[in-house]
Amino acid sequence: MTVVAISDTGCGIPEGNMGRLFEPFFTTKPPGVGTGLGLWMVDKIIRESGGSIDVNSEAGKGTTFTVSLPSSDGGTQ
């Protein structure tokens, strides 16, 4: 399994949005300023590849997305 974690030190994701991050068309942007498909597509591609994506966020401290994908050799490296 290959694991990559991407973190920032931004404002974090509000708790009320955490359960909706991977919903198609969910966005916090005003109407007409985004489609809200980015994370939905990322999640779909990763899951179709046999992997997973997890998110951990804390208000005022930042967010970490962790992507796990099967190793190309079929092993558990």
N, C-alpha and C. Protein backbone atom coordinates (compact mmCIF):
# COMPACT_ATOMS: atom_id res chain seq x y z
N MET A 1 0.85 -1.17 0.00
CA MET A 1 0.00 0.00 0.00
C MET A 1 0.90 1.24 0.00
N THR A 2 0.59 2.18 -0.84
CA THR A 2 1.28 3.46 -0.88
C THR A 2 0.39 4.51 -0.23
N VAL A 3 0.95 5.27 0.70
CA VAL A 3 0.18 6.27 1.43
C VAL A 3 0.84 7.63 1.27
N VAL A 4 0.01 8.62 0.92
CA VAL A 4 0.48 10.00 0.78
C VAL A 4 -0.44 10.88 1.62
N ALA A 5 0.16 11.71 2.46
CA ALA A 5 -0.62 12.65 3.26
C ALA A 5 -0.26 14.07 2.85
N ILE A 6 -1.27 14.89 2.66
CA ILE A 6 -1.09 16.28 2.25
C ILE A 6 -1.76 17.14 3.31
N SER A 7 -0.98 18.05 3.91
CA SER A 7 -1.49 18.87 5.00
C SER A 7 -1.33 20.34 4.72
N ASP A 8 -2.17 21.15 5.37
CA ASP A 8 -1.98 22.59 5.37
C ASP A 8 -2.17 23.10 6.79
N THR A 9 -1.85 24.35 6.99
CA THR A 9 -2.00 24.98 8.30
C THR A 9 -3.03 26.09 8.22
N GLY A 10 -4.03 25.89 7.37
CA GLY A 10 -5.06 26.90 7.17
C GLY A 10 -6.09 26.92 8.29
N CYS A 11 -7.26 27.43 7.97
CA CYS A 11 -8.31 27.62 8.98
C CYS A 11 -9.08 26.34 9.30
N GLY A 12 -8.84 25.27 8.58
CA GLY A 12 -9.56 24.02 8.81
C GLY A 12 -10.91 24.02 8.11
N ILE A 13 -11.58 22.90 8.15
CA ILE A 13 -12.88 22.73 7.51
C ILE A 13 -13.93 22.72 8.61
N PRO A 14 -14.95 23.56 8.49
CA PRO A 14 -16.00 23.56 9.52
C PRO A 14 -16.61 22.17 9.69
N GLU A 15 -16.87 21.79 10.93
CA GLU A 15 -17.38 20.46 11.24
C GLU A 15 -18.65 20.14 10.46
N GLY A 16 -19.50 21.12 10.23
CA GLY A 16 -20.73 20.91 9.49
C GLY A 16 -20.53 20.52 8.04
N ASN A 17 -19.35 20.81 7.49
CA ASN A 17 -19.05 20.46 6.09
C ASN A 17 -18.31 19.13 5.95
N MET A 18 -17.76 18.62 7.02
CA MET A 18 -16.92 17.42 6.93
C MET A 18 -17.66 16.23 6.32
N GLY A 19 -18.89 16.01 6.68
CA GLY A 19 -19.64 14.87 6.16
C GLY A 19 -20.09 15.03 4.72
N ARG A 20 -19.91 16.21 4.16
CA ARG A 20 -20.38 16.47 2.80
C ARG A 20 -19.26 16.68 1.79
N LEU A 21 -18.02 16.63 2.22
CA LEU A 21 -16.88 16.97 1.36
C LEU A 21 -16.86 16.21 0.04
N PHE A 22 -17.25 14.95 0.07
CA PHE A 22 -17.15 14.11 -1.12
C PHE A 22 -18.48 13.95 -1.85
N GLU A 23 -19.48 14.75 -1.50
CA GLU A 23 -20.77 14.74 -2.20
C GLU A 23 -20.63 15.45 -3.53
N PRO A 24 -21.21 14.87 -4.60
CA PRO A 24 -21.18 15.60 -5.87
C PRO A 24 -21.96 16.91 -5.75
N PHE A 25 -21.39 17.94 -6.31
CA PHE A 25 -21.97 19.29 -6.39
C PHE A 25 -21.96 20.06 -5.08
N PHE A 26 -21.41 19.48 -3.99
CA PHE A 26 -21.32 20.25 -2.75
C PHE A 26 -20.22 21.29 -2.89
N THR A 27 -20.53 22.53 -2.58
CA THR A 27 -19.55 23.60 -2.61
C THR A 27 -19.92 24.63 -1.56
N THR A 28 -18.93 25.33 -1.08
CA THR A 28 -19.18 26.44 -0.15
C THR A 28 -19.09 27.77 -0.88
N LYS A 29 -18.84 27.71 -2.18
CA LYS A 29 -18.74 28.92 -3.00
C LYS A 29 -20.13 29.43 -3.37
N PRO A 30 -20.23 30.72 -3.69
CA PRO A 30 -21.53 31.25 -4.11
C PRO A 30 -21.98 30.63 -5.44
N PRO A 31 -23.29 30.65 -5.70
CA PRO A 31 -23.81 30.11 -6.97
C PRO A 31 -23.08 30.71 -8.18
N GLY A 32 -22.75 29.84 -9.13
CA GLY A 32 -22.08 30.28 -10.35
C GLY A 32 -20.57 30.40 -10.25
N VAL A 33 -19.99 30.07 -9.10
CA VAL A 33 -18.55 30.23 -8.91
C VAL A 33 -17.83 28.89 -8.75
N GLY A 34 -18.49 27.81 -8.98
CA GLY A 34 -17.84 26.51 -8.87
C GLY A 34 -18.87 25.41 -8.96
N THR A 35 -18.42 24.24 -9.38
CA THR A 35 -19.36 23.14 -9.56
C THR A 35 -19.38 22.18 -8.37
N GLY A 36 -18.35 22.20 -7.55
CA GLY A 36 -18.33 21.29 -6.41
C GLY A 36 -18.11 19.85 -6.79
N LEU A 37 -17.34 19.60 -7.84
CA LEU A 37 -17.10 18.23 -8.27
C LEU A 37 -15.67 17.74 -7.99
N GLY A 38 -14.79 18.62 -7.56
CA GLY A 38 -13.38 18.26 -7.40
C GLY A 38 -13.14 17.09 -6.48
N LEU A 39 -13.54 17.21 -5.21
CA LEU A 39 -13.27 16.13 -4.26
C LEU A 39 -14.11 14.89 -4.56
N TRP A 40 -15.30 15.07 -5.10
CA TRP A 40 -16.12 13.91 -5.48
C TRP A 40 -15.38 13.09 -6.54
N MET A 41 -14.80 13.76 -7.53
CA MET A 41 -14.08 13.05 -8.60
C MET A 41 -12.82 12.39 -8.05
N VAL A 42 -12.10 13.08 -7.19
CA VAL A 42 -10.89 12.51 -6.58
C VAL A 42 -11.25 11.23 -5.83
N ASP A 43 -12.28 11.31 -4.99
CA ASP A 43 -12.72 10.15 -4.22
C ASP A 43 -13.11 8.99 -5.14
N LYS A 44 -13.85 9.29 -6.19
CA LYS A 44 -14.29 8.25 -7.13
C LYS A 44 -13.11 7.55 -7.80
N ILE A 45 -12.14 8.33 -8.27
CA ILE A 45 -10.97 7.76 -8.95
C ILE A 45 -10.16 6.90 -7.98
N ILE A 46 -9.95 7.40 -6.78
CA ILE A 46 -9.16 6.65 -5.79
C ILE A 46 -9.85 5.34 -5.43
N ARG A 47 -11.16 5.39 -5.20
CA ARG A 47 -11.90 4.16 -4.83
C ARG A 47 -11.93 3.17 -5.99
N GLU A 48 -12.07 3.66 -7.23
CA GLU A 48 -12.05 2.76 -8.39
C GLU A 48 -10.68 2.11 -8.57
N SER A 49 -9.65 2.73 -8.01
CA SER A 49 -8.30 2.19 -8.07
C SER A 49 -8.01 1.25 -6.90
N GLY A 50 -9.01 1.04 -6.05
CA GLY A 50 -8.82 0.14 -4.91
C GLY A 50 -8.27 0.82 -3.68
N GLY A 51 -8.28 2.14 -3.66
CA GLY A 51 -7.72 2.88 -2.54
C GLY A 51 -8.76 3.59 -1.71
N SER A 52 -8.28 4.48 -0.86
CA SER A 52 -9.18 5.25 -0.01
C SER A 52 -8.59 6.64 0.22
N ILE A 53 -9.46 7.57 0.59
CA ILE A 53 -9.02 8.91 0.95
C ILE A 53 -9.72 9.28 2.25
N ASP A 54 -8.95 9.79 3.19
CA ASP A 54 -9.47 10.20 4.48
C ASP A 54 -9.10 11.65 4.73
N VAL A 55 -9.89 12.32 5.54
CA VAL A 55 -9.63 13.72 5.86
C VAL A 55 -9.73 13.92 7.36
N ASN A 56 -8.80 14.69 7.87
CA ASN A 56 -8.80 15.07 9.28
C ASN A 56 -8.59 16.57 9.32
N SER A 57 -9.48 17.28 10.00
CA SER A 57 -9.38 18.73 10.03
C SER A 57 -9.70 19.24 11.42
N GLU A 58 -8.98 20.28 11.81
CA GLU A 58 -9.22 20.91 13.10
C GLU A 58 -9.30 22.41 12.90
N ALA A 59 -10.39 22.99 13.36
CA ALA A 59 -10.59 24.44 13.19
C ALA A 59 -9.41 25.21 13.73
N GLY A 60 -8.91 26.14 12.91
CA GLY A 60 -7.79 26.99 13.31
C GLY A 60 -6.43 26.34 13.22
N LYS A 61 -6.37 25.05 12.88
CA LYS A 61 -5.08 24.35 12.84
C LYS A 61 -4.76 23.75 11.49
N GLY A 62 -5.75 23.49 10.65
CA GLY A 62 -5.48 22.96 9.32
C GLY A 62 -6.15 21.64 9.04
N THR A 63 -5.79 21.10 7.88
CA THR A 63 -6.43 19.90 7.34
C THR A 63 -5.39 18.97 6.75
N THR A 64 -5.62 17.67 6.90
CA THR A 64 -4.77 16.66 6.27
C THR A 64 -5.66 15.69 5.49
N PHE A 65 -5.33 15.52 4.21
CA PHE A 65 -5.95 14.50 3.37
C PHE A 65 -4.93 13.37 3.25
N THR A 66 -5.36 12.14 3.51
CA THR A 66 -4.49 10.98 3.41
C THR A 66 -5.05 10.04 2.34
N VAL A 67 -4.23 9.78 1.33
CA VAL A 67 -4.62 8.92 0.21
C VAL A 67 -3.83 7.62 0.32
N SER A 68 -4.55 6.50 0.28
CA SER A 68 -3.93 5.17 0.30
C SER A 68 -4.29 4.48 -0.99
N LEU A 69 -3.27 3.96 -1.68
CA LEU A 69 -3.47 3.26 -2.95
C LEU A 69 -2.71 1.94 -2.92
N PRO A 70 -3.26 0.91 -3.55
CA PRO A 70 -2.54 -0.36 -3.61
C PRO A 70 -1.22 -0.18 -4.35
N SER A 71 -0.20 -0.90 -3.92
CA SER A 71 1.09 -0.86 -4.60
C SER A 71 0.96 -1.46 -5.99
N SER A 72 1.71 -0.94 -6.93
CA SER A 72 1.62 -1.44 -8.31
C SER A 72 2.08 -2.87 -8.45
N ASP A 73 2.90 -3.36 -7.51
CA ASP A 73 3.37 -4.74 -7.60
C ASP A 73 2.42 -5.72 -6.92
N GLY A 74 1.29 -5.18 -6.40
CA GLY A 74 0.32 -6.05 -5.74
C GLY A 74 0.69 -6.40 -4.32
N GLY A 75 1.83 -5.92 -3.87
CA GLY A 75 2.28 -6.21 -2.50
C GLY A 75 1.74 -5.22 -1.50
N THR A 76 2.32 -5.26 -0.31
CA THR A 76 1.87 -4.36 0.76
C THR A 76 2.98 -3.41 1.20
N GLN A 77 3.80 -2.98 0.26
CA GLN A 77 4.92 -2.09 0.58
C GLN A 77 4.43 -0.80 1.14
